[in-house]
Amino acid sequence: MSLPDIIDLASAEAERAVTALGPSDDEAPLDEALDRLAGHGLTSREQEVARLLALRLSDKEIARRLSISPRTVSTHVTVILGKLGVRSRRDVLRFAAEPAPDGAGEAAIPATNA
């Protein structure tokens, strides 16, 4: 078994352990922030992918968790970025976390520096 395979296996085992424990108090704000993405036209699968993106998982890790191919994850990520009007995976969480300027509780599009 190669070192990358060992790392992937260890990462998958750690993810399973964390999932078995259930959500922590630290994840509650993340869940609330990602719930705001629903109003932006994301499908339920795209919302699942966005949540895992916010946990900084790679396409391969997301694919393993959702039992889909990494290529399908990549497509979902591209669609999510387009629907939210953001440029990077990191911007997805920023988008969800920022309150709308009118205070309506919806996410605002973050300012990105080119």
C-alpha atoms as a PDB file:
ATOM      1  CA  MET A   1       0.000   0.000   0.000  1.00  0.00           C
ATOM      2  CA  SER A   2       1.426   3.401  -0.977  1.00  0.00           C
ATOM      3  CA  LEU A   3       1.697   6.373   1.357  1.00  0.00           C
ATOM      4  CA  PRO A   4      -1.115   8.326  -0.386  1.00  0.00           C
ATOM      5  CA  ASP A   5      -3.377   5.270  -0.055  1.00  0.00           C
ATOM      6  CA  ILE A   6      -2.547   5.018   3.650  1.00  0.00           C
ATOM      7  CA  ILE A   7      -3.290   8.725   4.122  1.00  0.00           C
ATOM      8  CA  ASP A   8      -6.602   8.389   2.250  1.00  0.00           C
ATOM      9  CA  LEU A   9      -7.541   5.372   4.354  1.00  0.00           C
ATOM     10  CA  ALA A  10      -6.670   7.156   7.609  1.00  0.00           C
ATOM     11  CA  SER A  11      -8.603  10.240   6.512  1.00  0.00           C
ATOM     12  CA  ALA A  12     -11.648   8.150   5.638  1.00  0.00           C
ATOM     13  CA  GLU A  13     -11.529   6.393   9.013  1.00  0.00           C
ATOM     14  CA  ALA A  14     -11.255   9.734  10.826  1.00  0.00           C
ATOM     15  CA  GLU A  15     -14.228  11.084   8.844  1.00  0.00           C
ATOM     16  CA  ARG A  16     -16.295   8.020   9.756  1.00  0.00           C
ATOM     17  CA  ALA A  17     -15.424   8.473  13.432  1.00  0.00           C
ATOM     18  CA  VAL A  18     -16.416  12.137  13.370  1.00  0.00           C
ATOM     19  CA  THR A  19     -19.648  11.336  11.526  1.00  0.00           C
ATOM     20  CA  ALA A  20     -20.491   8.628  14.065  1.00  0.00           C
ATOM     21  CA  LEU A  21     -20.154  11.165  16.887  1.00  0.00           C
ATOM     22  CA  GLY A  22     -22.744  13.429  15.274  1.00  0.00           C
ATOM     23  CA  PRO A  23     -22.596  17.207  14.867  1.00  0.00           C
ATOM     24  CA  SER A  24     -20.715  19.232  17.441  1.00  0.00           C
ATOM     25  CA  ASP A  25     -21.716  22.590  18.850  1.00  0.00           C
ATOM     26  CA  ASP A  26     -19.074  24.126  16.571  1.00  0.00           C
ATOM     27  CA  GLU A  27     -20.940  22.849  13.510  1.00  0.00           C
ATOM     28  CA  ALA A  28     -24.240  24.524  14.439  1.00  0.00           C
ATOM     29  CA  PRO A  29     -23.217  27.957  13.046  1.00  0.00           C
ATOM     30  CA  LEU A  30     -21.916  26.223   9.920  1.00  0.00           C
ATOM     31  CA  ASP A  31     -25.221  24.413   9.452  1.00  0.00           C
ATOM     32  CA  GLU A  32     -27.162  27.654   9.914  1.00  0.00           C
ATOM     33  CA  ALA A  33     -24.944  29.456   7.409  1.00  0.00           C
ATOM     34  CA  LEU A  34     -25.276  26.700   4.839  1.00  0.00           C
ATOM     35  CA  ASP A  35     -29.050  26.565   5.315  1.00  0.00           C
ATOM     36  CA  ARG A  36     -29.099  30.083   3.825  1.00  0.00           C
ATOM     37  CA  LEU A  37     -27.783  28.660   0.553  1.00  0.00           C
ATOM     38  CA  ALA A  38     -31.092  26.904  -0.088  1.00  0.00           C
ATOM     39  CA  GLY A  39     -32.661  30.190  -1.188  1.00  0.00           C
ATOM     40  CA  HIS A  40     -30.122  30.577  -3.959  1.00  0.00           C
ATOM     41  CA  GLY A  41     -31.333  27.815  -6.228  1.00  0.00           C
ATOM     42  CA  LEU A  42     -29.058  25.030  -5.003  1.00  0.00           C
ATOM     43  CA  THR A  43     -30.452  21.534  -5.268  1.00  0.00           C
ATOM     44  CA  SER A  44     -30.384  19.319  -2.187  1.00  0.00           C
ATOM     45  CA  ARG A  45     -27.321  17.486  -3.593  1.00  0.00           C
ATOM     46  CA  GLU A  46     -25.560  20.786  -4.262  1.00  0.00           C
ATOM     47  CA  GLN A  47     -26.298  21.820  -0.682  1.00  0.00           C
ATOM     48  CA  GLU A  48     -24.735  18.561   0.542  1.00  0.00           C
ATOM     49  CA  VAL A  49     -21.646  19.219  -1.573  1.00  0.00           C
ATOM     50  CA  ALA A  50     -21.481  22.833  -0.335  1.00  0.00           C
ATOM     51  CA  ARG A  51     -21.572  21.623   3.277  1.00  0.00           C
ATOM     52  CA  LEU A  52     -18.674  19.266   2.634  1.00  0.00           C
ATOM     53  CA  LEU A  53     -16.821  22.021   0.772  1.00  0.00           C
ATOM     54  CA  ALA A  54     -17.161  24.156   3.886  1.00  0.00           C
ATOM     55  CA  LEU A  55     -15.461  21.370   5.836  1.00  0.00           C
ATOM     56  CA  ARG A  56     -12.550  21.777   3.389  1.00  0.00           C
ATOM     57  CA  LEU A  57     -12.826  18.293   1.964  1.00  0.00           C
ATOM     58  CA  SER A  58     -11.279  17.497  -1.404  1.00  0.00           C
ATOM     59  CA  ASP A  59     -13.360  16.339  -4.367  1.00  0.00           C
ATOM     60  CA  LYS A  60     -12.119  12.805  -3.734  1.00  0.00           C
ATOM     61  CA  GLU A  61     -13.170  12.932  -0.065  1.00  0.00           C
ATOM     62  CA  ILE A  62     -16.576  14.398  -0.945  1.00  0.00           C
ATOM     63  CA  ALA A  63     -17.048  11.733  -3.610  1.00  0.00           C
ATOM     64  CA  ARG A  64     -16.293   8.994  -1.111  1.00  0.00           C
ATOM     65  CA  ARG A  65     -18.771  10.393   1.425  1.00  0.00           C
ATOM     66  CA  LEU A  66     -21.568  10.814  -1.102  1.00  0.00           C
ATOM     67  CA  SER A  67     -20.823   7.647  -3.106  1.00  0.00           C
ATOM     68  CA  ILE A  68     -20.387   9.561  -6.356  1.00  0.00           C
ATOM     69  CA  SER A  69     -17.395  10.055  -8.643  1.00  0.00           C
ATOM     70  CA  PRO A  70     -14.864  12.864  -8.094  1.00  0.00           C
ATOM     71  CA  ARG A  71     -15.778  14.128 -11.590  1.00  0.00           C
ATOM     72  CA  THR A  72     -19.426  14.467 -10.510  1.00  0.00           C
ATOM     73  CA  VAL A  73     -18.288  16.375  -7.418  1.00  0.00           C
ATOM     74  CA  SER A  74     -16.223  18.688  -9.632  1.00  0.00           C
ATOM     75  CA  THR A  75     -19.307  19.363 -11.764  1.00  0.00           C
ATOM     76  CA  HIS A  76     -21.403  20.108  -8.662  1.00  0.00           C
ATOM     77  CA  VAL A  77     -18.708  22.501  -7.396  1.00  0.00           C
ATOM     78  CA  THR A  78     -18.640  24.341 -10.727  1.00  0.00           C
ATOM     79  CA  VAL A  79     -22.439  24.689 -10.706  1.00  0.00           C
ATOM     80  CA  ILE A  80     -22.443  25.861  -7.054  1.00  0.00           C
ATOM     81  CA  LEU A  81     -19.829  28.534  -7.769  1.00  0.00           C
ATOM     82  CA  GLY A  82     -21.825  29.717 -10.768  1.00  0.00           C
ATOM     83  CA  LYS A  83     -25.157  29.855  -8.932  1.00  0.00           C
ATOM     84  CA  LEU A  84     -23.628  31.776  -6.034  1.00  0.00           C
ATOM     85  CA  GLY A  85     -21.567  34.032  -8.270  1.00  0.00           C
ATOM     86  CA  VAL A  86     -18.324  33.281  -6.439  1.00  0.00           C
ATOM     87  CA  ARG A  87     -14.909  32.312  -7.755  1.00  0.00           C
ATOM     88  CA  SER A  88     -13.480  29.809  -5.311  1.00  0.00           C
ATOM     89  CA  ARG A  89     -14.428  26.953  -3.037  1.00  0.00           C
ATOM     90  CA  ARG A  90     -13.486  29.089  -0.032  1.00  0.00           C
ATOM     91  CA  ASP A  91     -15.923  31.775  -1.159  1.00  0.00           C
ATOM     92  CA  VAL A  92     -18.842  29.345  -0.758  1.00  0.00           C
ATOM     93  CA  LEU A  93     -18.515  29.419   3.033  1.00  0.00           C
ATOM     94  CA  ARG A  94     -17.929  33.179   3.054  1.00  0.00           C
ATOM     95  CA  PHE A  95     -21.050  33.614   0.953  1.00  0.00           C
ATOM     96  CA  ALA A  96     -23.139  31.573   3.373  1.00  0.00           C
ATOM     97  CA  ALA A  97     -21.693  33.256   6.461  1.00  0.00           C
ATOM     98  CA  GLU A  98     -22.190  36.879   5.429  1.00  0.00           C
ATOM     99  CA  PRO A  99     -25.589  38.369   6.291  1.00  0.00           C
ATOM    100  CA  ALA A 100     -27.431  40.265   3.599  1.00  0.00           C
ATOM    101  CA  PRO A 101     -27.024  44.052   3.743  1.00  0.00           C
ATOM    102  CA  ASP A 102     -30.762  44.466   4.388  1.00  0.00           C
ATOM    103  CA  GLY A 103     -30.510  42.118   7.395  1.00  0.00           C
ATOM    104  CA  ALA A 104     -33.057  39.733   5.926  1.00  0.00           C
ATOM    105  CA  GLY A 105     -30.898  36.778   6.890  1.00  0.00           C
ATOM    106  CA  GLU A 106     -29.979  35.807   3.348  1.00  0.00           C
ATOM    107  CA  ALA A 107     -26.361  35.576   2.338  1.00  0.00           C
ATOM    108  CA  ALA A 108     -24.761  38.423   0.487  1.00  0.00           C
ATOM    109  CA  ILE A 109     -22.332  38.030  -2.379  1.00  0.00           C
ATOM    110  CA  PRO A 110     -18.879  38.633  -0.902  1.00  0.00           C
ATOM    111  CA  ALA A 111     -16.580  41.212  -2.353  1.00  0.00           C
ATOM    112  CA  THR A 112     -13.685  39.526  -4.114  1.00  0.00           C
ATOM    113  CA  ASN A 113     -10.457  41.239  -4.964  1.00  0.00           C
ATOM    114  CA  ALA A 114      -9.191  40.419  -8.422  1.00  0.00           C
END
